[in-house]
Amino acid sequence: MTLLLMLTALAFAAAVVVAGVLANAAPAGKLVSQAAGAAAMVVSPIITLVIAIVLGKIGLGGDGFGASEILRAAALPAFGTLFVAPFAFWFFRRQRRPLAA
C-alpha cells in the first residue's frame, strides 16, 4: 500500500511537470500544441513505470518487490496519469501569454 501511495504521488507530480514543460516549450500552432499534449499523455505512463521499478527495487521499509508486484502497483497510477497529463497540459497552455503579432 505504501508503494501505491508513493508511486501515485510521484507519478502525478511527474505528469504535471512534463505537461508544464511541454506546454511552455511548444510553439503557438494548434497542431504542434496537440502533438505536445499527446506526447505528455504518452510519456507520463512510461515515467510512472520507471519510477515504479526504481521504488520497487530499492524497496520501501526494507522490502524489495518482485516484477509482478511492481507492475501490479504501477497499473493504477499509470492509468491515472493518462487523465492528469492532459488537464495539466491544458492548464499550463492557458496560462501562457499570447505572442504579440
C-alpha atoms as a PDB file:
ATOM      1  CA  MET A   1       0.000   0.000   0.000  1.00  0.00           C
ATOM      2  CA  THR A   2       2.878   2.356   0.753  1.00  0.00           C
ATOM      3  CA  LEU A   3       4.337   1.690  -2.687  1.00  0.00           C
ATOM      4  CA  LEU A   4       0.986   2.512  -4.307  1.00  0.00           C
ATOM      5  CA  LEU A   5       0.605   5.799  -2.414  1.00  0.00           C
ATOM      6  CA  MET A   6       4.170   6.932  -3.009  1.00  0.00           C
ATOM      7  CA  LEU A   7       4.044   5.909  -6.640  1.00  0.00           C
ATOM      8  CA  THR A   8       0.751   7.712  -7.249  1.00  0.00           C
ATOM      9  CA  ALA A   9       2.040  10.941  -5.718  1.00  0.00           C
ATOM     10  CA  LEU A  10       5.326  10.833  -7.630  1.00  0.00           C
ATOM     11  CA  ALA A  11       3.662   9.814 -10.902  1.00  0.00           C
ATOM     12  CA  PHE A  12       1.100  12.625 -10.777  1.00  0.00           C
ATOM     13  CA  ALA A  13       3.794  15.156  -9.873  1.00  0.00           C
ATOM     14  CA  ALA A  14       5.949  13.933 -12.765  1.00  0.00           C
ATOM     15  CA  ALA A  15       2.966  14.120 -15.147  1.00  0.00           C
ATOM     16  CA  VAL A  16       2.309  17.729 -14.125  1.00  0.00           C
ATOM     17  CA  VAL A  17       5.977  18.667 -14.578  1.00  0.00           C
ATOM     18  CA  VAL A  18       6.189  17.008 -18.006  1.00  0.00           C
ATOM     19  CA  ALA A  19       2.949  18.661 -19.133  1.00  0.00           C
ATOM     20  CA  GLY A  20       4.164  22.055 -17.927  1.00  0.00           C
ATOM     21  CA  VAL A  21       7.474  21.740 -19.727  1.00  0.00           C
ATOM     22  CA  LEU A  22       5.832  20.608 -22.956  1.00  0.00           C
ATOM     23  CA  ALA A  23       3.166  23.319 -22.769  1.00  0.00           C
ATOM     24  CA  ASN A  24       5.775  26.041 -22.381  1.00  0.00           C
ATOM     25  CA  ALA A  25       8.145  24.607 -24.993  1.00  0.00           C
ATOM     26  CA  ALA A  26       5.603  24.029 -27.774  1.00  0.00           C
ATOM     27  CA  PRO A  27       5.104  26.789 -30.341  1.00  0.00           C
ATOM     28  CA  ALA A  28       1.743  28.514 -30.645  1.00  0.00           C
ATOM     29  CA  GLY A  29       0.469  26.422 -33.584  1.00  0.00           C
ATOM     30  CA  LYS A  30      -2.640  24.338 -32.967  1.00  0.00           C
ATOM     31  CA  LEU A  31      -1.278  21.126 -34.498  1.00  0.00           C
ATOM     32  CA  VAL A  32       2.019  21.374 -32.633  1.00  0.00           C
ATOM     33  CA  SER A  33       0.124  22.050 -29.411  1.00  0.00           C
ATOM     34  CA  GLN A  34      -1.999  18.938 -29.926  1.00  0.00           C
ATOM     35  CA  ALA A  35       1.110  16.874 -30.618  1.00  0.00           C
ATOM     36  CA  ALA A  36       2.749  18.152 -27.433  1.00  0.00           C
ATOM     37  CA  GLY A  37      -0.384  17.312 -25.441  1.00  0.00           C
ATOM     38  CA  ALA A  38      -0.387  13.809 -26.901  1.00  0.00           C
ATOM     39  CA  ALA A  39       3.299  13.478 -26.049  1.00  0.00           C
ATOM     40  CA  ALA A  40       2.500  14.335 -22.424  1.00  0.00           C
ATOM     41  CA  MET A  41      -0.056  11.520 -22.398  1.00  0.00           C
ATOM     42  CA  VAL A  42       2.420   9.037 -23.878  1.00  0.00           C
ATOM     43  CA  VAL A  43       5.410   9.947 -21.717  1.00  0.00           C
ATOM     44  CA  SER A  44       3.634  10.083 -18.340  1.00  0.00           C
ATOM     45  CA  PRO A  45       2.816   6.340 -18.007  1.00  0.00           C
ATOM     46  CA  ILE A  46       6.348   5.468 -19.118  1.00  0.00           C
ATOM     47  CA  ILE A  47       7.786   7.724 -16.423  1.00  0.00           C
ATOM     48  CA  THR A  48       5.403   6.088 -13.949  1.00  0.00           C
ATOM     49  CA  LEU A  49       6.743   2.640 -14.828  1.00  0.00           C
ATOM     50  CA  VAL A  50      10.336   3.824 -14.438  1.00  0.00           C
ATOM     51  CA  ILE A  51       9.529   5.316 -11.018  1.00  0.00           C
ATOM     52  CA  ALA A  52       7.777   2.066 -10.036  1.00  0.00           C
ATOM     53  CA  ILE A  53      10.783  -0.036 -10.988  1.00  0.00           C
ATOM     54  CA  VAL A  54      13.152   2.228  -9.060  1.00  0.00           C
ATOM     55  CA  LEU A  55      10.940   2.324  -5.951  1.00  0.00           C
ATOM     56  CA  GLY A  56      10.254  -1.416  -6.165  1.00  0.00           C
ATOM     57  CA  LYS A  57      13.891  -2.401  -6.465  1.00  0.00           C
ATOM     58  CA  ILE A  58      15.016  -0.016  -3.723  1.00  0.00           C
ATOM     59  CA  GLY A  59      12.140  -1.182  -1.583  1.00  0.00           C
ATOM     60  CA  LEU A  60      10.085   0.782   0.884  1.00  0.00           C
ATOM     61  CA  GLY A  61      10.558  -0.066   4.524  1.00  0.00           C
ATOM     62  CA  GLY A  62      13.288  -2.566   3.671  1.00  0.00           C
ATOM     63  CA  ASP A  63      11.054  -4.772   1.492  1.00  0.00           C
ATOM     64  CA  GLY A  64      12.124  -5.431  -2.081  1.00  0.00           C
ATOM     65  CA  PHE A  65       9.354  -6.195  -4.553  1.00  0.00           C
ATOM     66  CA  GLY A  66       9.238  -8.628  -7.465  1.00  0.00           C
ATOM     67  CA  ALA A  67       8.319  -7.753 -11.023  1.00  0.00           C
ATOM     68  CA  SER A  68       4.670  -8.789 -10.721  1.00  0.00           C
ATOM     69  CA  GLU A  69       4.139  -6.715  -7.567  1.00  0.00           C
ATOM     70  CA  ILE A  70       5.815  -3.693  -9.165  1.00  0.00           C
ATOM     71  CA  LEU A  71       3.664  -3.891 -12.295  1.00  0.00           C
ATOM     72  CA  ARG A  72       0.518  -4.516 -10.255  1.00  0.00           C
ATOM     73  CA  ALA A  73       1.216  -1.418  -8.158  1.00  0.00           C
ATOM     74  CA  ALA A  74       2.102   0.683 -11.230  1.00  0.00           C
ATOM     75  CA  ALA A  75      -1.044  -0.091 -13.221  1.00  0.00           C
ATOM     76  CA  LEU A  76      -3.445   2.277 -11.459  1.00  0.00           C
ATOM     77  CA  PRO A  77      -1.104   5.307 -11.248  1.00  0.00           C
ATOM     78  CA  ALA A  78      -0.048   4.824 -14.883  1.00  0.00           C
ATOM     79  CA  PHE A  79      -3.691   4.777 -15.932  1.00  0.00           C
ATOM     80  CA  GLY A  80      -4.369   7.845 -13.773  1.00  0.00           C
ATOM     81  CA  THR A  81      -1.620   9.849 -15.453  1.00  0.00           C
ATOM     82  CA  LEU A  82      -3.495   9.467 -18.740  1.00  0.00           C
ATOM     83  CA  PHE A  83      -6.109  11.794 -17.232  1.00  0.00           C
ATOM     84  CA  VAL A  84      -3.842  14.065 -15.193  1.00  0.00           C
ATOM     85  CA  ALA A  85      -1.423  14.925 -18.022  1.00  0.00           C
ATOM     86  CA  PRO A  86      -3.972  16.428 -20.471  1.00  0.00           C
ATOM     87  CA  PHE A  87      -5.599  18.568 -17.784  1.00  0.00           C
ATOM     88  CA  ALA A  88      -2.220  19.819 -16.590  1.00  0.00           C
ATOM     89  CA  PHE A  89      -1.165  20.492 -20.191  1.00  0.00           C
ATOM     90  CA  TRP A  90      -4.374  22.418 -20.824  1.00  0.00           C
ATOM     91  CA  PHE A  91      -3.904  24.431 -17.621  1.00  0.00           C
ATOM     92  CA  PHE A  92      -0.310  25.394 -18.425  1.00  0.00           C
ATOM     93  CA  ARG A  93      -1.207  26.135 -22.032  1.00  0.00           C
ATOM     94  CA  ARG A  94      -3.938  28.545 -20.878  1.00  0.00           C
ATOM     95  CA  GLN A  95      -1.504  30.287 -18.521  1.00  0.00           C
ATOM     96  CA  ARG A  96       0.891  31.046 -21.330  1.00  0.00           C
ATOM     97  CA  ARG A  97       0.907  34.624 -22.552  1.00  0.00           C
ATOM     98  CA  PRO A  98      -0.138  35.193 -26.171  1.00  0.00           C
ATOM     99  CA  LEU A  99       2.554  36.234 -28.588  1.00  0.00           C
ATOM    100  CA  ALA A 100       2.485  39.823 -29.844  1.00  0.00           C
ATOM    101  CA  ALA A 101       1.688  39.952 -33.552  1.00  0.00           C
END
